[in-house]
Amino acid sequence: MSSAERPRSSGIRFETLLAGLIILLIVAALFFLSSQRQQGLRASPAGFNGLQIWLTSEGQSAQNFTGGWLIDRTNVGLLVLPLFDTLLDRERVSPRTKQELLFQQDESDQLLENILEKAGMARTLIILPKWRSGMRLTGLGHPALLAEEGSIERVLRQVTGSETAQLTRIRRPFSNFTYQSAGGDALEAQLYVAQVFESDLCMPLIGQRGQMLLADCPLAETDMRALVLSDPDLLNNHGLRLGDNAQIGQDFIAQQAGDAQVLIDYSSGVWLKDPSENTARERTWADLLRFFEPPFSILWVSAALFMALVLWRSAVRYGPVLDLASSSSASKALAIRARARLLRLTDQDGALLSEYAAARISATASRLFGPSHTRNRSDEEAVLRHLERNDPRHAAYMKDFLTRIHHVPKKLGAVEAIAYVDEFEDLLEKITNDA
């Protein structure tokens, strides 16, 4: 068979392999995107992976957390809650265009009630949002990518419960804020287009009244207090490189957390638990539905696509189960053996050779076309048509050979019959291997 004709003879199997490969690539891409989205946010300039690495290198126990298991709240010295949502009371709207994606203000859904509940269970540093998604995607801190002040101010009021809190931005490229470390060292925080706030209910820790960067504020709907950082650039991956921001963050967090763990919580749910509360939790349908959410949903979809591919290919090649009774099959086998025995006893090896050729043609057709098509395509003409389309050289040889078999005398010597059989088997082997 020539190289140009070979792909045509193996087209079905190549298409099946190609379809399976495409499905695997799609599933792998979906799984990768689902698992990397949150990680991409944490590692982006707007994320806080750098803070966790920096604190760990300075001997402070720190951990990034995205949810999935319960954590004893008594082991958390400081809970860091970075907010990437300006709509804490409703779900965000997914972007439909690239421009909407670049300028969206909300990276993930974070509910106000969950934020307040978590902040009420441990000493908490709430970090307000500042940048749109374009900051994460492009890595550029451009003023056009700053989120709306009004939206962030609404978040500030919701978190602190202060209706008079105001958020502003200092309209110059860089601003410096003084800070005195626990060791008495004078440090300066440097911020790009600094985002500050004002509230009569908050006590400034970095900055001053009217321009507070970090403050101790009341927690809405509770009698507790929380730390509020108005500008995430003090501690995020982008801002840690500026001024003395890294030293200030490490010193301040160490004072707040002590020797306990710092938990940087990106999750939307409440995963902190009180060890004194050992109440049994009732199982709900939500526990089961968790296994159908990303990334598990991608596994279910891939399994469904794979099963659909398997069923489709098996239906095309093998078809439904053949409706043949075992008794009729046994009777047919007995009839064939009886006919062959009679031909051998009457020394009719030529006639037996023709019957053998017909049986082997039927078996070859089953291998070429599949068992479900054997009944309709098991005759010599169907096999010859198939060979003429895919392998003209073997088709001509097969046609000539079958003509010779059909014209051999009925009473043929055993030696001559065996020679025909050997030649026929060699030809069938070549056809099967090439197909």
Protein backbone atom coordinates (compact mmCIF):
# COMPACT_ATOMS: atom_id res chain seq x y z
CA MET A 1 0.00 0.00 0.00
CA SER A 2 1.34 3.47 -0.84
CA SER A 3 1.89 6.13 1.82
CA ALA A 4 -0.77 8.32 0.24
CA GLU A 5 -3.42 5.63 0.53
CA ARG A 6 -2.61 4.36 4.05
CA PRO A 7 -4.38 7.18 6.03
CA ARG A 8 -7.64 6.41 4.21
CA SER A 9 -7.62 2.81 5.38
CA SER A 10 -7.12 3.80 9.04
CA GLY A 11 -9.34 6.90 8.99
CA ILE A 12 -11.90 5.68 11.54
CA ARG A 13 -9.38 4.82 14.19
CA PHE A 14 -7.46 8.07 13.59
CA GLU A 15 -10.64 10.13 13.95
CA THR A 16 -11.49 8.35 17.19
CA LEU A 17 -8.03 9.00 18.57
CA LEU A 18 -8.20 12.64 17.48
CA ALA A 19 -11.63 13.13 19.10
CA GLY A 20 -10.42 11.60 22.36
CA LEU A 21 -7.31 13.78 22.32
CA ILE A 22 -9.37 16.94 21.77
CA ILE A 23 -11.67 16.05 24.68
CA LEU A 24 -8.70 15.42 26.95
CA LEU A 25 -7.14 18.74 25.98
CA ILE A 26 -10.40 20.62 26.64
CA VAL A 27 -10.86 18.96 30.02
CA ALA A 28 -7.24 19.60 30.97
CA ALA A 29 -7.57 23.25 29.97
CA LEU A 30 -10.78 23.70 32.01
CA PHE A 31 -9.26 22.00 35.01
CA PHE A 32 -6.12 24.13 34.73
CA LEU A 33 -8.07 27.38 34.43
CA SER A 34 -10.34 26.49 37.34
CA SER A 35 -7.48 25.57 39.66
CA GLN A 36 -5.21 28.43 38.54
CA ARG A 37 -7.70 31.30 38.74
CA GLN A 38 -7.51 31.69 42.52
CA GLN A 39 -3.79 30.98 42.52
CA GLY A 40 -3.29 33.55 39.77
CA LEU A 41 -5.04 36.18 41.87
CA ARG A 42 -2.89 35.44 44.91
CA ALA A 43 0.33 35.55 42.88
CA SER A 44 -0.62 38.68 40.89
CA PRO A 45 0.56 42.19 41.84
CA ALA A 46 -2.77 42.64 43.68
CA GLY A 47 -2.42 39.39 45.64
CA PHE A 48 -0.75 38.60 48.96
CA ASN A 49 1.41 35.55 48.30
CA GLY A 50 4.44 37.74 48.80
CA LEU A 51 3.25 38.71 52.29
CA GLN A 52 2.97 35.07 53.33
CA ILE A 53 6.45 34.28 51.97
CA TRP A 54 7.96 37.38 53.60
CA LEU A 55 6.42 36.68 57.01
CA THR A 56 7.55 33.05 56.89
CA SER A 57 11.10 34.06 56.02
CA GLU A 58 11.09 36.36 59.07
CA GLY A 59 10.09 33.53 61.39
CA GLN A 60 6.38 34.38 61.59
CA SER A 61 3.95 31.48 61.08
CA ALA A 62 1.78 32.45 58.10
CA GLN A 63 -0.57 30.51 55.82
CA ASN A 64 -2.65 31.23 52.71
CA PHE A 65 -6.14 29.78 53.02
CA THR A 66 -8.84 29.30 50.37
CA GLY A 67 -11.28 27.21 52.40
CA GLY A 68 -12.09 23.51 52.45
CA TRP A 69 -11.53 22.53 56.08
CA LEU A 70 -12.25 23.88 59.55
CA ILE A 71 -9.61 25.83 61.47
CA ASP A 72 -9.46 26.29 65.23
CA ARG A 73 -9.91 30.01 65.75
CA THR A 74 -7.87 29.97 68.97
CA ASN A 75 -4.77 29.13 66.91
CA VAL A 76 -5.17 32.24 64.72
CA GLY A 77 -3.27 35.25 66.04
CA LEU A 78 -4.29 37.54 63.19
CA LEU A 79 -6.84 36.91 60.46
CA VAL A 80 -6.00 38.86 57.29
CA LEU A 81 -9.08 39.37 55.10
CA PRO A 82 -8.23 40.93 51.72
CA LEU A 83 -11.42 42.06 49.97
CA PHE A 84 -11.73 41.74 46.20
CA ASP A 85 -15.44 42.58 46.07
CA THR A 86 -17.20 45.96 46.14
CA LEU A 87 -20.69 44.41 46.18
CA LEU A 88 -20.86 42.60 49.51
CA ASP A 89 -24.65 42.31 49.44
CA ARG A 90 -25.13 40.66 46.03
CA GLU A 91 -23.42 38.49 43.45
CA ARG A 92 -21.10 40.00 40.91
CA VAL A 93 -21.94 40.06 37.20
CA SER A 94 -19.52 38.08 35.05
CA PRO A 95 -17.84 40.13 32.30
CA ARG A 96 -18.86 39.42 28.72
CA THR A 97 -16.10 41.23 26.82
CA LYS A 98 -12.37 41.76 27.26
CA GLN A 99 -12.96 45.40 28.12
CA GLU A 100 -15.48 44.50 30.81
CA LEU A 101 -13.00 41.96 32.19
CA LEU A 102 -10.23 44.56 32.42
CA PHE A 103 -12.45 47.09 34.17
CA GLN A 104 -14.45 44.82 36.47
CA GLN A 105 -14.15 45.80 40.12
CA ASP A 106 -15.08 42.46 41.68
CA GLU A 107 -12.79 39.44 41.43
CA SER A 108 -14.86 37.11 43.64
CA ASP A 109 -18.08 37.09 45.67
CA GLN A 110 -17.61 37.83 49.39
CA LEU A 111 -20.68 38.22 51.59
CA LEU A 112 -20.79 40.92 54.26
CA GLU A 113 -22.34 38.60 56.83
CA ASN A 114 -19.51 36.09 56.41
CA ILE A 115 -16.87 38.82 56.69
CA LEU A 116 -18.40 40.14 59.90
CA GLU A 117 -18.76 36.63 61.35
CA LYS A 118 -15.12 35.75 60.65
CA ALA A 119 -13.90 39.11 61.96
CA GLY A 120 -15.82 38.49 65.16
CA MET A 121 -14.06 35.18 65.83
CA ALA A 122 -10.42 36.35 65.78
CA ARG A 123 -8.32 39.49 65.71
CA THR A 124 -8.81 40.62 62.10
CA LEU A 125 -7.15 42.92 59.58
CA ILE A 126 -9.64 43.84 56.84
CA ILE A 127 -7.98 45.10 53.66
CA LEU A 128 -10.22 47.19 51.42
CA PRO A 129 -10.15 46.76 47.62
CA LYS A 130 -8.40 49.28 45.39
CA TRP A 131 -7.71 47.89 41.92
CA ARG A 132 -9.78 46.58 39.05
CA SER A 133 -9.05 43.21 37.39
CA GLY A 134 -6.87 44.94 34.80
CA MET A 135 -4.22 45.44 37.46
CA ARG A 136 -3.99 41.66 37.95
CA LEU A 137 -4.15 40.83 34.25
CA THR A 138 -1.72 43.45 32.94
CA GLY A 139 0.51 43.93 35.98
CA LEU A 140 0.29 47.70 35.49
CA GLY A 141 -0.70 50.10 38.27
CA HIS A 142 -2.37 52.70 36.05
CA PRO A 143 -4.82 55.28 37.48
CA ALA A 144 -7.43 54.14 34.93
CA LEU A 145 -7.45 50.73 36.65
CA LEU A 146 -8.34 52.11 40.11
CA ALA A 147 -11.75 51.05 41.38
CA GLU A 148 -14.45 53.67 42.01
CA GLU A 149 -13.99 55.54 45.29
CA GLY A 150 -17.72 55.48 45.95
CA SER A 151 -17.87 51.68 45.70
CA ILE A 152 -14.95 51.22 48.10
CA GLU A 153 -16.41 53.81 50.48
CA ARG A 154 -19.65 51.81 50.58
CA VAL A 155 -17.64 48.71 51.58
CA LEU A 156 -15.88 50.75 54.30
CA ARG A 157 -19.22 51.87 55.76
CA GLN A 158 -20.67 48.36 55.60
CA VAL A 159 -17.69 46.87 57.44
CA THR A 160 -17.35 49.55 60.14
CA GLY A 161 -21.01 50.45 60.48
CA SER A 162 -20.10 54.14 60.20
CA GLU A 163 -22.41 56.12 57.93
CA THR A 164 -20.05 59.11 58.01
CA ALA A 165 -16.86 57.30 56.99
CA GLN A 166 -15.29 58.80 53.90
CA LEU A 167 -12.66 57.43 51.55
CA THR A 168 -10.39 59.60 49.41
CA ARG A 169 -7.26 59.30 47.31
CA ILE A 170 -4.22 61.55 47.52
CA ARG A 171 -3.83 62.87 43.97
CA ARG A 172 -0.09 62.58 43.56
CA PRO A 173 2.05 59.69 42.34
CA PHE A 174 3.61 58.70 45.66
CA SER A 175 2.84 59.51 49.29
CA ASN A 176 4.86 58.67 52.40
CA PHE A 177 3.52 57.74 55.84
CA THR A 178 5.69 57.59 58.94
CA TYR A 179 5.72 54.57 61.22
CA GLN A 180 7.67 53.76 64.37
CA SER A 181 8.51 50.09 64.83
CA ALA A 182 8.39 48.19 68.09
CA GLY A 183 12.16 48.57 68.31
CA GLY A 184 11.94 52.36 67.98
CA ASP A 185 13.09 52.56 64.35
CA ALA A 186 11.55 55.28 62.17
CA LEU A 187 10.17 53.76 58.96
CA GLU A 188 8.29 55.23 56.01
CA ALA A 189 5.52 53.56 54.06
CA GLN A 190 5.38 54.57 50.40
CA LEU A 191 2.18 54.21 48.37
CA TYR A 192 1.18 54.92 44.79
CA VAL A 193 -1.93 57.18 44.65
CA ALA A 194 -2.51 56.49 48.32
CA GLN A 195 -6.03 55.52 49.37
CA VAL A 196 -6.95 56.88 52.83
CA PHE A 197 -10.12 57.32 54.86
CA GLU A 198 -11.69 59.33 57.64
CA SER A 199 -14.05 58.21 60.42
CA ASP A 200 -14.80 59.56 63.89
CA LEU A 201 -15.21 55.98 65.14
CA CYS A 202 -11.70 54.84 64.14
CA MET A 203 -8.35 55.36 65.84
CA PRO A 204 -5.44 55.88 63.41
CA LEU A 205 -2.42 53.56 63.63
CA ILE A 206 -0.70 54.65 60.43
CA GLY A 207 -1.57 58.10 59.14
CA GLN A 208 -3.58 60.75 60.96
CA ARG A 209 -7.18 61.75 61.40
CA GLY A 210 -8.58 62.80 58.07
CA GLN A 211 -5.97 60.67 56.26
CA MET A 212 -5.90 57.30 58.00
CA LEU A 213 -4.15 54.46 56.22
CA LEU A 214 -4.47 51.85 58.94
CA ALA A 215 -6.86 52.24 61.85
CA ASP A 216 -8.60 50.40 64.65
CA CYS A 217 -12.33 50.57 63.88
CA PRO A 218 -15.60 49.16 65.22
CA LEU A 219 -17.00 46.07 63.55
CA ALA A 220 -20.51 46.62 62.18
CA GLU A 221 -23.41 44.94 63.98
CA THR A 222 -21.14 43.85 66.87
CA ASP A 223 -19.47 45.35 69.92
CA MET A 224 -16.06 44.19 68.68
CA ARG A 225 -13.34 46.02 66.80
CA ALA A 226 -11.16 45.19 63.81
CA LEU A 227 -8.18 46.63 62.01
CA VAL A 228 -8.97 48.30 58.67
CA LEU A 229 -6.31 48.93 56.01
CA SER A 230 -7.63 51.29 53.35
CA ASP A 231 -4.82 50.80 50.82
CA PRO A 232 -3.85 47.18 50.01
CA ASP A 233 -0.62 48.39 48.36
CA LEU A 234 0.98 48.52 51.80
CA LEU A 235 1.02 44.70 52.01
CA ASN A 236 0.26 43.25 48.56
CA ASN A 237 2.82 41.86 46.12
CA HIS A 238 3.02 45.17 44.30
CA GLY A 239 3.48 47.37 47.37
CA LEU A 240 5.89 45.30 49.47
CA ARG A 241 8.73 46.42 47.20
CA LEU A 242 8.14 50.15 47.86
CA GLY A 243 9.74 52.11 50.68
CA ASP A 244 9.80 50.34 54.03
CA ASN A 245 6.45 48.65 53.40
CA ALA A 246 7.79 45.12 53.91
CA GLN A 247 9.45 46.01 57.26
CA ILE A 248 6.34 47.87 58.43
CA GLY A 249 4.06 44.97 57.54
CA GLN A 250 6.26 42.43 59.30
CA ASP A 251 6.66 44.58 62.43
CA PHE A 252 2.98 45.50 62.73
CA ILE A 253 1.69 41.98 62.08
CA ALA A 254 4.18 40.51 64.56
CA GLN A 255 2.84 42.88 67.23
CA GLN A 256 -0.75 41.87 66.51
CA ALA A 257 -0.28 38.10 66.07
CA GLY A 258 2.55 37.42 68.52
CA ASP A 259 3.72 33.83 68.22
CA ALA A 260 0.37 32.63 66.86
CA GLN A 261 -0.41 31.96 63.23
CA VAL A 262 -1.24 34.60 60.63
CA LEU A 263 -4.04 33.34 58.37
CA ILE A 264 -4.48 35.13 55.01
CA ASP A 265 -8.04 34.12 54.19
CA TYR A 266 -9.19 34.27 50.55
CA SER A 267 -12.25 32.06 51.11
CA SER A 268 -15.82 33.28 50.80
CA GLY A 269 -17.20 31.02 53.54
CA VAL A 270 -16.68 30.76 57.28
CA TRP A 271 -14.19 28.03 58.15
CA LEU A 272 -13.20 29.11 61.66
CA LYS A 273 -14.56 27.00 64.50
CA ASP A 274 -14.79 27.40 68.25
CA PRO A 275 -13.32 24.31 69.98
CA SER A 276 -15.72 24.78 72.91
CA GLU A 277 -18.68 24.23 70.62
CA ASN A 278 -19.02 20.52 69.87
CA THR A 279 -22.53 20.59 68.51
CA ALA A 280 -23.23 17.95 65.89
CA ARG A 281 -23.66 19.40 62.45
CA GLU A 282 -26.62 18.15 60.47
CA ARG A 283 -25.98 16.86 57.00
CA THR A 284 -27.70 18.70 54.17
CA TRP A 285 -27.88 18.35 50.41
CA ALA A 286 -25.22 21.06 50.22
CA ASP A 287 -22.68 18.56 51.55
CA LEU A 288 -23.32 16.31 48.58
CA LEU A 289 -23.53 19.13 46.06
CA ARG A 290 -20.01 20.23 47.02
CA PHE A 291 -18.71 17.25 45.04
CA PHE A 292 -20.35 18.64 41.89
CA GLU A 293 -18.75 22.09 42.21
CA PRO A 294 -15.43 23.10 40.60
CA PRO A 295 -12.99 21.48 40.26
CA PHE A 296 -15.07 18.28 40.72
CA SER A 297 -17.60 19.44 38.11
CA ILE A 298 -14.84 19.34 35.49
CA LEU A 299 -14.13 15.71 36.37
CA TRP A 300 -17.82 14.83 36.01
CA VAL A 301 -18.03 16.58 32.64
CA SER A 302 -14.90 14.83 31.40
CA ALA A 303 -16.25 11.45 32.52
CA ALA A 304 -19.54 12.13 30.72
CA LEU A 305 -17.76 13.14 27.51
CA PHE A 306 -15.53 10.08 27.68
CA MET A 307 -18.51 7.74 28.18
CA ALA A 308 -20.36 9.43 25.31
CA LEU A 309 -17.35 8.86 23.06
CA VAL A 310 -17.07 5.21 24.10
CA LEU A 311 -20.79 4.54 23.57
CA TRP A 312 -20.78 6.30 20.21
CA ARG A 313 -17.79 4.39 18.88
CA SER A 314 -19.03 1.05 20.22
CA ALA A 315 -22.47 1.64 18.70
CA VAL A 316 -20.99 2.45 15.30
CA ARG A 317 -18.53 -0.46 15.17
CA TYR A 318 -20.25 -3.23 17.14
CA GLY A 319 -23.89 -2.22 17.14
CA PRO A 320 -26.54 -3.82 19.35
CA VAL A 321 -26.20 -7.32 20.76
CA LEU A 322 -26.88 -9.86 18.06
CA ASP A 323 -30.21 -11.60 18.60
CA LEU A 324 -29.08 -15.16 17.93
CA ALA A 325 -30.35 -18.09 19.96
CA SER A 326 -27.69 -20.42 21.28
CA SER A 327 -29.54 -23.44 19.88
CA SER A 328 -29.52 -22.10 16.34
CA SER A 329 -25.81 -21.26 16.65
CA ALA A 330 -25.06 -24.78 17.85
CA SER A 331 -27.15 -26.30 15.03
CA LYS A 332 -25.34 -24.17 12.46
CA ALA A 333 -21.93 -25.21 13.80
CA LEU A 334 -22.96 -28.88 13.70
CA ALA A 335 -24.22 -28.51 10.14
CA ILE A 336 -20.95 -26.96 9.02
CA ARG A 337 -18.87 -29.70 10.63
CA ALA A 338 -21.11 -32.38 9.11
CA ARG A 339 -20.84 -30.83 5.65
CA ALA A 340 -17.05 -30.60 5.94
CA ARG A 341 -16.84 -34.22 7.06
CA LEU A 342 -18.95 -35.39 4.11
CA LEU A 343 -16.78 -33.45 1.68
CA ARG A 344 -13.63 -34.95 3.15
CA LEU A 345 -15.05 -38.49 3.06
CA THR A 346 -16.02 -38.10 -0.58
CA ASP A 347 -12.55 -36.73 -1.41
CA GLN A 348 -13.94 -33.34 -2.53
CA ASP A 349 -11.13 -31.08 -1.25
CA GLY A 350 -11.79 -28.59 -4.05
CA ALA A 351 -15.39 -27.99 -2.90
CA LEU A 352 -14.22 -27.86 0.72
CA LEU A 353 -11.65 -25.23 -0.30
CA SER A 354 -14.42 -23.00 -1.69
CA GLU A 355 -16.42 -23.34 1.55
CA TYR A 356 -13.30 -22.52 3.55
CA ALA A 357 -12.62 -19.40 1.47
CA ALA A 358 -16.19 -18.16 2.01
CA ALA A 359 -15.88 -18.67 5.81
CA ARG A 360 -12.52 -16.85 5.97
CA ILE A 361 -13.88 -13.97 3.87
CA SER A 362 -16.76 -13.63 6.36
CA ALA A 363 -14.33 -13.58 9.30
CA THR A 364 -12.15 -10.98 7.60
CA ALA A 365 -15.22 -8.82 6.92
CA SER A 366 -16.08 -8.98 10.61
CA ARG A 367 -12.64 -7.62 11.48
CA LEU A 368 -12.77 -4.91 8.83
CA PHE A 369 -16.34 -3.66 9.25
CA GLY A 370 -17.22 -4.73 12.80
CA PRO A 371 -19.56 -7.51 13.95
CA SER A 372 -22.68 -5.35 13.58
CA HIS A 373 -22.13 -5.04 9.82
CA THR A 374 -20.98 -8.60 9.16
CA ARG A 375 -24.36 -9.83 7.94
CA ASN A 376 -24.70 -7.12 5.31
CA ARG A 377 -21.08 -6.91 4.19
CA SER A 378 -19.66 -10.42 4.54
CA ASP A 379 -19.85 -11.46 0.89
CA GLU A 380 -16.90 -11.41 -1.50
CA GLU A 381 -18.21 -8.43 -3.47
CA ALA A 382 -18.32 -6.22 -0.34
CA VAL A 383 -14.78 -7.15 0.64
CA LEU A 384 -13.52 -6.59 -2.90
CA ARG A 385 -15.23 -3.16 -3.06
CA HIS A 386 -13.56 -2.22 0.20
CA LEU A 387 -10.15 -3.31 -1.08
CA GLU A 388 -10.62 -1.49 -4.39
CA ARG A 389 -11.21 1.76 -2.51
CA ASN A 390 -8.40 1.35 0.00
CA ASP A 391 -5.84 -1.02 -1.56
CA PRO A 392 -6.21 -1.60 -5.32
CA ARG A 393 -3.08 -3.80 -5.45
CA HIS A 394 -4.44 -6.31 -2.94
CA ALA A 395 -7.90 -6.04 -4.50
CA ALA A 396 -6.62 -7.25 -7.85
CA TYR A 397 -4.68 -10.07 -6.22
CA MET A 398 -7.69 -11.13 -4.11
CA LYS A 399 -10.06 -11.08 -7.11
CA ASP A 400 -7.69 -13.24 -9.17
CA PHE A 401 -7.18 -15.67 -6.30
CA LEU A 402 -10.91 -16.10 -5.58
CA THR A 403 -11.52 -16.72 -9.28
CA ARG A 404 -8.93 -19.49 -9.24
CA ILE A 405 -10.43 -21.07 -6.09
CA HIS A 406 -13.92 -21.12 -7.58
CA HIS A 407 -12.63 -22.91 -10.66
CA VAL A 408 -10.54 -25.59 -9.02
CA PRO A 409 -11.85 -29.15 -9.59
CA LYS A 410 -13.95 -30.60 -6.79
CA LYS A 411 -11.67 -33.57 -6.42
CA LEU A 412 -8.39 -31.83 -5.62
CA GLY A 413 -5.36 -33.39 -3.99
CA ALA A 414 -4.58 -32.56 -0.37
CA VAL A 415 -1.16 -31.11 -1.26
CA GLU A 416 -2.63 -28.71 -3.82
CA ALA A 417 -5.44 -27.71 -1.39
CA ILE A 418 -2.94 -26.94 1.38
CA ALA A 419 -0.94 -24.75 -1.03
CA TYR A 420 -4.08 -22.78 -1.83
CA VAL A 421 -4.84 -22.40 1.89
CA ASP A 422 -1.32 -21.13 2.67
CA GLU A 423 -1.45 -18.61 -0.15
CA PHE A 424 -4.92 -17.46 0.93
CA GLU A 425 -3.89 -17.03 4.58
CA ASP A 426 -0.84 -14.99 3.57
CA LEU A 427 -3.04 -12.69 1.52
CA LEU A 428 -5.62 -12.28 4.31
CA GLU A 429 -2.84 -11.50 6.80
CA LYS A 430 -1.48 -8.73 4.58
CA ILE A 431 -4.95 -7.27 4.10
CA THR A 432 -5.73 -7.34 7.83
CA ASN A 433 -2.41 -5.80 8.88
CA ASP A 434 -2.61 -3.03 6.29
CA ALA A 435 -6.22 -2.19 7.21
